[in-house]
Protein backbone atom coordinates (compact mmCIF):
# COMPACT_ATOMS: atom_id res chain seq x y z
CA MET A 1 16.62 -18.84 -31.93
CA GLY A 2 16.69 -15.32 -33.37
CA HIS A 3 14.39 -12.41 -32.57
CA ALA A 4 11.76 -13.37 -35.15
CA GLY A 5 11.85 -17.00 -34.08
CA ALA A 6 11.40 -16.11 -30.40
CA ALA A 7 8.47 -13.86 -31.21
CA ALA A 8 6.85 -16.50 -33.42
CA ALA A 9 7.27 -19.13 -30.70
CA ALA A 10 5.67 -16.83 -28.13
CA VAL A 11 2.75 -16.09 -30.42
CA ARG A 12 2.22 -19.79 -31.21
CA TYR A 13 2.36 -20.70 -27.54
CA LEU A 14 -0.05 -18.03 -26.42
CA GLY A 15 -2.39 -18.87 -29.28
CA SER A 16 -2.62 -22.45 -28.11
CA ALA A 17 -3.03 -21.64 -24.40
CA PRO A 18 -6.51 -21.63 -22.81
CA ALA A 19 -7.94 -18.12 -22.88
CA SER A 20 -9.09 -18.21 -19.26
CA GLY A 21 -6.20 -20.03 -17.60
CA PRO A 22 -2.66 -18.97 -16.67
CA VAL A 23 0.21 -19.68 -19.01
CA GLU A 24 3.76 -20.63 -18.23
CA ALA A 25 6.58 -18.13 -18.48
CA LEU A 26 7.42 -17.24 -22.04
CA PRO A 27 11.00 -17.85 -23.18
CA ARG A 28 12.94 -14.63 -23.17
CA PRO A 29 14.03 -13.50 -26.63
CA GLU A 30 17.68 -14.17 -27.31
CA LEU A 31 19.82 -11.13 -26.58
CA ARG A 32 22.77 -10.29 -28.77
CA CYS A 33 25.02 -7.35 -29.49
CA VAL A 34 23.86 -4.86 -32.06
CA ARG A 35 26.24 -4.76 -35.00
CA ASP A 36 27.74 -1.46 -36.11
CA ASP A 37 25.94 -1.67 -39.45
CA GLU A 38 22.61 -1.92 -37.59
CA ARG A 39 23.08 1.23 -35.57
CA ALA A 40 21.37 4.37 -36.82
CA PRO A 41 23.55 7.51 -36.76
CA VAL A 42 21.44 8.99 -33.95
CA ASP A 43 22.74 9.89 -30.51
CA GLN A 44 20.65 8.21 -27.80
CA ALA A 45 20.43 11.38 -25.69
CA LEU A 46 19.22 13.31 -28.73
CA PHE A 47 16.72 10.55 -29.54
CA ARG A 48 15.27 10.68 -26.03
CA GLY A 49 15.22 14.46 -25.97
CA VAL A 50 13.40 14.84 -29.26
CA LEU A 51 10.90 12.04 -28.63
CA GLY A 52 10.25 13.47 -25.16
CA ASN A 53 8.37 16.30 -26.87
CA PHE A 54 5.59 13.82 -27.59
CA ALA A 55 3.26 13.97 -24.59
CA THR A 56 1.76 10.68 -23.46
CA GLY A 57 -0.66 9.43 -20.88
CA VAL A 58 0.65 7.26 -18.05
CA THR A 59 -0.55 3.80 -17.07
CA VAL A 60 0.28 1.11 -14.57
CA ILE A 61 0.16 -2.42 -15.98
CA THR A 62 -0.80 -4.96 -13.31
CA ALA A 63 -1.22 -8.73 -13.16
CA PRO A 64 -2.38 -11.11 -10.44
CA ALA A 65 0.11 -13.20 -8.52
CA ALA A 66 0.87 -16.33 -10.50
CA GLU A 67 1.05 -19.73 -8.84
CA GLY A 68 3.85 -19.80 -6.29
CA GLU A 69 4.08 -15.99 -6.00
CA ASP A 70 3.12 -13.97 -2.93
CA SER A 71 2.11 -10.67 -4.50
CA PRO A 72 0.74 -9.18 -7.72
CA ALA A 73 3.00 -7.69 -10.38
CA GLY A 74 2.96 -4.19 -11.78
CA PHE A 75 5.00 -1.48 -13.45
CA ALA A 76 4.56 2.09 -14.68
CA CYS A 77 4.19 2.29 -18.45
CA GLN A 78 3.75 5.27 -20.76
CA SER A 79 4.07 3.20 -23.95
CA PHE A 80 0.45 2.10 -24.18
CA SER A 81 -1.98 2.38 -27.07
CA SER A 82 -5.26 1.12 -28.42
CA LEU A 83 -4.62 -1.14 -31.40
CA SER A 84 -7.77 -2.65 -32.91
CA LEU A 85 -11.52 -2.22 -32.62
CA ASP A 86 -12.48 -5.59 -34.14
CA PRO A 87 -11.25 -7.61 -32.37
CA PRO A 88 -10.71 -5.25 -29.40
CA LEU A 89 -6.94 -5.12 -28.90
CA VAL A 90 -4.56 -2.86 -27.00
CA CYS A 91 -0.78 -2.97 -26.70
CA PHE A 92 2.03 -1.86 -24.42
CA LEU A 93 5.80 -1.90 -24.66
CA VAL A 94 8.08 -3.31 -21.97
CA GLY A 95 11.87 -3.46 -21.84
CA ARG A 96 13.28 -6.89 -22.67
CA ALA A 97 15.37 -6.77 -19.48
CA SER A 98 12.31 -6.09 -17.30
CA THR A 99 12.02 -8.29 -14.21
CA THR A 100 8.27 -7.65 -13.99
CA TRP A 101 7.40 -8.82 -17.50
CA PRO A 102 8.10 -12.55 -16.85
CA ARG A 103 5.63 -12.41 -13.94
CA ILE A 104 2.96 -10.88 -16.18
CA ALA A 105 3.69 -13.51 -18.84
CA ARG A 106 3.25 -16.27 -16.27
CA ALA A 107 -0.13 -14.86 -15.28
CA GLY A 108 -1.19 -14.65 -18.94
CA VAL A 109 -3.44 -11.66 -18.20
CA PHE A 110 -3.09 -8.02 -17.22
CA CYS A 111 -5.00 -4.84 -16.44
CA VAL A 112 -4.10 -1.41 -17.81
CA ASN A 113 -4.75 1.28 -15.21
CA VAL A 114 -4.94 4.73 -16.83
CA LEU A 115 -3.72 7.12 -14.16
CA SER A 116 -5.51 10.34 -13.28
CA ALA A 117 -3.87 13.72 -12.77
CA GLY A 118 -3.35 13.33 -9.03
CA GLN A 119 -1.57 9.98 -9.20
CA GLY A 120 1.98 11.08 -9.91
CA ALA A 121 3.28 9.63 -6.64
CA LEU A 122 1.60 6.31 -7.43
CA CYS A 123 3.30 6.27 -10.82
CA ARG A 124 6.70 6.88 -9.21
CA ALA A 125 6.11 4.02 -6.77
CA PHE A 126 5.45 1.61 -9.63
CA ALA A 127 8.50 2.86 -11.54
CA VAL A 128 10.86 1.64 -8.80
CA SER A 129 12.47 -1.75 -9.36
CA GLY A 130 12.63 -4.31 -6.58
CA ALA A 131 10.32 -2.55 -4.11
CA ASP A 132 6.96 -3.75 -2.75
CA LYS A 133 4.99 -1.66 -5.21
CA PHE A 134 1.59 -2.56 -3.77
CA ALA A 135 2.36 -1.58 -0.16
CA GLY A 136 -0.39 0.79 0.97
CA VAL A 137 -2.00 0.86 -2.48
CA ALA A 138 -5.79 0.47 -2.62
CA TYR A 139 -7.11 -1.81 -5.36
CA ASP A 140 -9.71 -4.42 -6.14
CA ALA A 141 -9.79 -7.25 -8.68
CA ALA A 142 -10.58 -6.62 -12.34
CA PRO A 143 -13.69 -8.65 -13.22
CA VAL A 144 -12.25 -11.17 -15.67
CA SER A 145 -8.50 -11.49 -15.03
CA GLY A 146 -8.43 -10.70 -11.33
CA SER A 147 -5.57 -8.27 -11.98
CA PRO A 148 -5.27 -5.35 -9.55
CA ARG A 149 -7.55 -2.47 -10.54
CA LEU A 150 -6.08 0.59 -8.84
CA ALA A 151 -8.34 2.91 -6.89
CA GLY A 152 -8.61 6.41 -8.35
CA ALA A 153 -7.55 5.46 -11.87
CA ALA A 154 -9.26 7.34 -14.68
CA ALA A 155 -9.96 4.12 -16.59
CA TRP A 156 -9.08 0.44 -16.63
CA VAL A 157 -8.79 -2.18 -19.38
CA ASP A 158 -8.82 -5.88 -18.45
CA CYS A 159 -6.93 -8.09 -20.93
CA ALA A 160 -5.63 -11.53 -21.81
CA ILE A 161 -2.24 -11.72 -23.52
CA HIS A 162 -2.92 -12.17 -27.23
CA ALA A 163 0.53 -11.91 -28.85
CA VAL A 164 4.10 -10.86 -28.13
CA HIS A 165 6.49 -9.38 -30.70
CA THR A 166 10.07 -8.15 -30.46
CA GLY A 167 10.89 -4.52 -31.19
CA GLY A 168 14.54 -3.63 -30.68
CA ASP A 169 15.29 -3.51 -26.96
CA HIS A 170 11.58 -3.81 -26.09
CA LEU A 171 8.77 -6.33 -26.39
CA ILE A 172 5.43 -5.36 -27.93
CA VAL A 173 2.70 -7.03 -25.90
CA VAL A 174 -0.74 -7.23 -27.49
CA GLY A 175 -3.71 -7.77 -25.20
CA ARG A 176 -7.24 -8.86 -26.10
CA VAL A 177 -9.73 -6.77 -24.14
CA THR A 178 -12.11 -8.79 -21.95
CA ALA A 179 -13.65 -5.93 -19.91
CA LEU A 180 -13.11 -2.21 -19.41
CA GLY A 181 -14.53 0.84 -17.71
CA ALA A 182 -13.93 4.45 -16.75
CA ALA A 183 -14.41 6.56 -13.64
CA GLU A 184 -16.22 9.86 -13.55
CA PRO A 185 -14.60 12.24 -16.06
CA THR A 186 -11.24 13.32 -14.67
CA ASP A 187 -8.07 14.85 -16.07
CA PRO A 188 -5.40 12.30 -17.01
CA LEU A 189 -1.82 12.18 -15.76
CA LEU A 190 0.46 13.25 -18.61
CA PHE A 191 4.19 12.83 -19.14
CA HIS A 192 6.10 15.38 -21.22
CA ARG A 193 9.81 16.17 -21.51
CA GLY A 194 10.77 14.10 -18.48
CA ARG A 195 8.12 15.39 -16.08
CA PHE A 196 4.45 15.04 -15.24
CA ALA A 197 2.09 17.55 -16.77
CA ARG A 198 -1.61 18.45 -16.69
CA LEU A 199 -4.06 19.48 -19.34
CA ASP A 200 -4.37 23.20 -19.90
CA GLY A 201 -7.96 24.13 -19.20
CA GLY A 202 -7.74 27.12 -21.50
């Protein structure tokens, strides 16, 4: 099954799954070598350096523990965006080699936690692979999915997985919004040129 076939299968499967219940793990897209004629003449370090000039917000994507798991899942993600107003959709990108993504797929739901300016250390904790990311972290359950809603976050968006598409070495995960909310107005945590940044109040 090629990339397009894997994405189509994932979309068909999720479309047929009950909206409120968990879904089984999605099949991972088939990985293959990139042919020379598919490679753009762009150095990866240059690509990262130039694109790093685009400042983004920072989120933590969380999901409840699926059946047979002892703890929730979560990872730091700066590739998040609103997608559609009608129906209400958002999306995030996750690396195809991610070990956290299959756990989120099994849960079938997730919560986007938009981090506030003082949560840089929290972001770093969720960026580490293989650690107990929720140790000492305060959270409650998002109202619809039950996904961890992190204390102190500037905003949260509760979602059910709506579609999954392939995009190079990443997956594009589309979520249908089931509930959302924001804290008192607070500055967001920003990421720019490889480091955290804050809004200039000037």
